[in-house]
């Protein structure tokens, strides 16, 4: 795929503005201008205008270099830069064809990373996928891979870690705080209450002599 380089000016929708004026060069020091390039010999341009597809590709590739993105996120970036809708659609369609944009893979990656990094459960994961612009069908397929047993074990690990900072608190306070934490992370109420009651009951400071 050809790409415009720094010598090719961007189209109006991709160009940034600058408040710094160009320096004035005295006539005596002004270098001779190079001969104009033959537009027919350069596939990056069409006549004297830059190829908008090339600039849209560059914007998308910079986004993907920074991290995975859903198609909807990339559409938003191009829209903020006033990229024409037909140009954005053509570029993103091509990126999907070659596998650089893949919402199914993106959704699976997001679910795994948010489970491991933040301990999110399915309800919170669904909200995160929706926020990233993943459609419901793709999101549901990714969420179907979440194992309920693993989710409950993850809830127990979160509760055990939180309990270490709540030694000495009343059992009711411990229960309320632990339940609130798991609810924010998207755990269902039945799992939350089962795991929290078990942890509070078995805490050494709550054991009856």
Protein backbone atom coordinates (compact mmCIF):
# COMPACT_ATOMS: atom_id res chain seq x y z
CA UNK A 1 0.00 0.00 0.00
CA UNK A 2 1.47 3.38 -0.93
CA UNK A 3 1.65 6.06 1.70
CA UNK A 4 2.08 9.79 1.50
CA UNK A 5 5.35 10.94 3.03
CA UNK A 6 6.32 14.14 4.78
CA UNK A 7 6.98 15.86 1.44
CA UNK A 8 3.37 15.43 0.36
CA UNK A 9 0.94 17.95 1.90
CA UNK A 10 -2.10 16.41 3.57
CA UNK A 11 -5.60 17.02 2.26
CA UNK A 12 -7.49 19.83 4.03
CA UNK A 13 -9.33 17.44 6.38
CA UNK A 14 -6.07 15.82 7.56
CA UNK A 15 -3.94 18.95 7.89
CA UNK A 16 -3.39 20.52 11.26
CA UNK A 17 -3.35 24.25 11.82
CA UNK A 18 -0.31 26.17 12.97
CA UNK A 19 -0.13 29.63 14.45
CA UNK A 20 3.59 30.00 13.70
CA UNK A 21 4.20 31.99 10.49
CA UNK A 22 6.79 30.79 8.02
CA UNK A 23 10.08 32.71 8.21
CA UNK A 24 10.65 35.32 5.53
CA UNK A 25 13.72 34.54 3.43
CA UNK A 26 15.47 37.52 1.80
CA UNK A 27 15.30 37.39 -2.00
CA UNK A 28 19.07 37.17 -2.31
CA UNK A 29 19.19 34.02 -0.19
CA UNK A 30 16.11 32.33 -1.66
CA UNK A 31 17.10 28.99 -3.19
CA UNK A 32 15.93 28.07 -6.62
CA UNK A 33 12.71 26.12 -6.51
CA UNK A 34 13.00 22.48 -7.62
CA UNK A 35 11.20 21.55 -10.81
CA UNK A 36 7.62 20.37 -10.19
CA UNK A 37 7.23 16.61 -9.94
CA UNK A 38 5.31 14.80 -12.61
CA UNK A 39 2.04 13.81 -10.88
CA UNK A 40 1.54 10.92 -13.27
CA UNK A 41 4.82 9.34 -12.11
CA UNK A 42 3.91 9.44 -8.41
CA UNK A 43 1.14 7.00 -7.37
CA UNK A 44 0.72 8.79 -4.06
CA UNK A 45 -0.96 11.79 -5.66
CA UNK A 46 -3.67 12.48 -8.14
CA UNK A 47 -2.70 15.55 -10.12
CA UNK A 48 -1.63 18.21 -7.62
CA UNK A 49 -3.87 16.85 -4.82
CA UNK A 50 -2.68 14.30 -2.23
CA UNK A 51 -4.46 10.96 -2.18
CA UNK A 52 -6.97 11.10 0.72
CA UNK A 53 -6.95 7.31 0.99
CA UNK A 54 -3.22 7.35 1.75
CA UNK A 55 -3.66 9.93 4.48
CA UNK A 56 -6.57 8.04 6.02
CA UNK A 57 -4.45 4.87 6.00
CA UNK A 58 -1.65 6.67 7.80
CA UNK A 59 -4.02 7.96 10.48
CA UNK A 60 -5.43 4.47 11.05
CA UNK A 61 -2.00 2.83 11.13
CA UNK A 62 -0.75 5.33 13.70
CA UNK A 63 -3.74 4.48 15.90
CA UNK A 64 -3.13 0.74 15.56
CA UNK A 65 0.57 1.20 16.31
CA UNK A 66 -0.39 2.80 19.64
CA UNK A 67 -2.67 -0.12 20.54
CA UNK A 68 -5.56 -2.31 19.36
CA UNK A 69 -8.70 -0.46 18.30
CA UNK A 70 -12.21 -1.43 17.29
CA UNK A 71 -13.55 -0.32 13.93
CA UNK A 72 -15.93 2.08 15.68
CA UNK A 73 -13.04 3.73 17.52
CA UNK A 74 -11.12 4.20 14.27
CA UNK A 75 -14.23 5.63 12.60
CA UNK A 76 -14.49 8.16 15.41
CA UNK A 77 -10.86 9.23 14.98
CA UNK A 78 -11.31 9.74 11.23
CA UNK A 79 -14.57 11.61 11.78
CA UNK A 80 -12.89 13.97 14.26
CA UNK A 81 -10.35 14.75 11.54
CA UNK A 82 -13.19 15.47 9.08
CA UNK A 83 -12.27 12.52 6.89
CA UNK A 84 -15.02 11.96 4.30
CA UNK A 85 -17.24 9.01 5.21
CA UNK A 86 -16.65 7.21 1.91
CA UNK A 87 -12.88 7.47 2.34
CA UNK A 88 -13.06 6.17 5.93
CA UNK A 89 -15.28 3.26 4.89
CA UNK A 90 -13.01 2.27 2.00
CA UNK A 91 -9.87 2.34 4.16
CA UNK A 92 -11.41 0.45 7.08
CA UNK A 93 -12.97 -2.14 4.77
CA UNK A 94 -9.53 -2.81 3.32
CA UNK A 95 -7.98 -2.97 6.81
CA UNK A 96 -10.55 -5.59 7.77
CA UNK A 97 -9.81 -7.62 4.63
CA UNK A 98 -6.10 -7.84 5.50
CA UNK A 99 -6.78 -8.51 9.21
CA UNK A 100 -5.46 -5.26 10.67
CA UNK A 101 -8.94 -4.37 11.95
CA UNK A 102 -10.73 -7.32 13.55
CA UNK A 103 -13.47 -6.65 16.09
CA UNK A 104 -13.78 -10.33 17.01
CA UNK A 105 -10.11 -10.56 17.95
CA UNK A 106 -10.27 -7.16 19.63
CA UNK A 107 -13.25 -8.17 21.78
CA UNK A 108 -11.54 -11.38 22.91
CA UNK A 109 -8.36 -9.50 23.77
CA UNK A 110 -10.27 -6.86 25.71
CA UNK A 111 -12.20 -9.45 27.74
CA UNK A 112 -9.02 -11.34 28.68
CA UNK A 113 -7.03 -8.23 29.57
CA UNK A 114 -9.82 -6.67 31.66
CA UNK A 115 -10.39 -9.94 33.49
CA UNK A 116 -6.70 -10.31 34.31
CA UNK A 117 -5.90 -6.67 34.99
CA UNK A 118 -9.04 -5.36 36.69
CA UNK A 119 -10.92 -8.51 37.66
CA UNK A 120 -14.05 -7.49 35.76
CA UNK A 121 -16.99 -9.87 35.48
CA UNK A 122 -19.31 -10.32 32.53
CA UNK A 123 -21.70 -7.45 33.22
CA UNK A 124 -18.88 -4.91 33.51
CA UNK A 125 -17.10 -6.48 30.53
CA UNK A 126 -20.25 -6.06 28.43
CA UNK A 127 -20.37 -2.37 29.34
CA UNK A 128 -16.69 -1.97 28.44
CA UNK A 129 -17.18 -3.63 25.05
CA UNK A 130 -20.18 -1.44 24.33
CA UNK A 131 -18.19 1.65 25.29
CA UNK A 132 -15.49 0.64 22.80
CA UNK A 133 -18.05 0.35 20.02
CA UNK A 134 -18.15 -3.45 19.70
CA UNK A 135 -21.53 -4.64 18.39
CA UNK A 136 -23.72 -6.86 20.57
CA UNK A 137 -23.28 -10.04 18.53
CA UNK A 138 -19.48 -9.83 18.63
CA UNK A 139 -19.52 -8.87 22.31
CA UNK A 140 -21.79 -11.78 23.25
CA UNK A 141 -19.50 -14.23 21.45
CA UNK A 142 -16.51 -12.95 23.43
CA UNK A 143 -18.42 -13.02 26.73
CA UNK A 144 -19.55 -16.59 26.08
CA UNK A 145 -15.91 -17.63 26.57
CA UNK A 146 -15.96 -16.47 30.20
CA UNK A 147 -16.07 -19.51 32.47
CA UNK A 148 -18.48 -19.08 35.44
CA UNK A 149 -16.23 -21.15 37.72
CA UNK A 150 -13.19 -19.02 36.86
CA UNK A 151 -15.26 -15.89 37.43
CA UNK A 152 -16.24 -16.99 40.92
CA UNK A 153 -12.65 -17.88 41.77
CA UNK A 154 -11.60 -14.44 40.59
CA UNK A 155 -14.21 -12.91 42.91
CA UNK A 156 -12.77 -14.91 45.82
CA UNK A 157 -9.27 -13.66 45.02
CA UNK A 158 -10.47 -10.04 44.93
CA UNK A 159 -12.28 -10.44 48.25
CA UNK A 160 -9.30 -12.10 49.92
CA UNK A 161 -7.03 -9.25 48.82
CA UNK A 162 -9.48 -6.61 50.03
CA UNK A 163 -10.00 -8.37 53.37
CA UNK A 164 -6.34 -7.85 54.25
CA UNK A 165 -6.96 -4.11 54.48
CA UNK A 166 -10.14 -4.40 56.58
CA UNK A 167 -8.88 -6.20 59.67
CA UNK A 168 -10.62 -4.92 62.77
CA UNK A 169 -13.73 -3.62 61.05
CA UNK A 170 -17.17 -4.83 62.05
CA UNK A 171 -18.45 -7.78 59.97
CA UNK A 172 -21.34 -5.68 58.68
CA UNK A 173 -18.93 -3.02 57.42
CA UNK A 174 -16.72 -5.66 55.81
CA UNK A 175 -19.73 -7.22 54.09
CA UNK A 176 -21.00 -3.90 52.76
CA UNK A 177 -17.63 -2.82 51.37
CA UNK A 178 -16.81 -6.16 49.79
CA UNK A 179 -20.25 -6.45 48.19
CA UNK A 180 -19.95 -2.93 46.80
CA UNK A 181 -16.55 -3.70 45.28
CA UNK A 182 -17.77 -6.84 43.52
CA UNK A 183 -20.94 -5.12 42.31
CA UNK A 184 -18.87 -2.35 40.69
CA UNK A 185 -16.83 -5.00 38.90
CA UNK A 186 -19.96 -6.59 37.48
CA UNK A 187 -20.34 -9.75 39.57
CA UNK A 188 -23.89 -11.12 39.91
CA UNK A 189 -25.57 -10.75 43.28
CA UNK A 190 -25.70 -14.48 44.03
CA UNK A 191 -21.96 -14.91 43.49
CA UNK A 192 -21.24 -11.70 45.41
CA UNK A 193 -23.18 -12.66 48.52
CA UNK A 194 -21.93 -16.25 48.57
CA UNK A 195 -18.27 -15.24 48.27
CA UNK A 196 -18.50 -12.28 50.66
CA UNK A 197 -20.38 -14.15 53.41
CA UNK A 198 -17.90 -16.98 53.19
CA UNK A 199 -14.90 -14.64 53.47
CA UNK A 200 -16.34 -12.63 56.36
CA UNK A 201 -17.40 -15.74 58.25
CA UNK A 202 -13.97 -17.36 57.91
CA UNK A 203 -11.93 -14.24 58.76
CA UNK A 204 -9.84 -14.95 61.91
CA UNK A 205 -11.11 -11.86 63.74
CA UNK A 206 -14.70 -13.02 63.21
CA UNK A 207 -14.16 -16.54 64.52
CA UNK A 208 -15.98 -17.27 67.77
CA UNK A 209 -13.93 -18.72 70.60
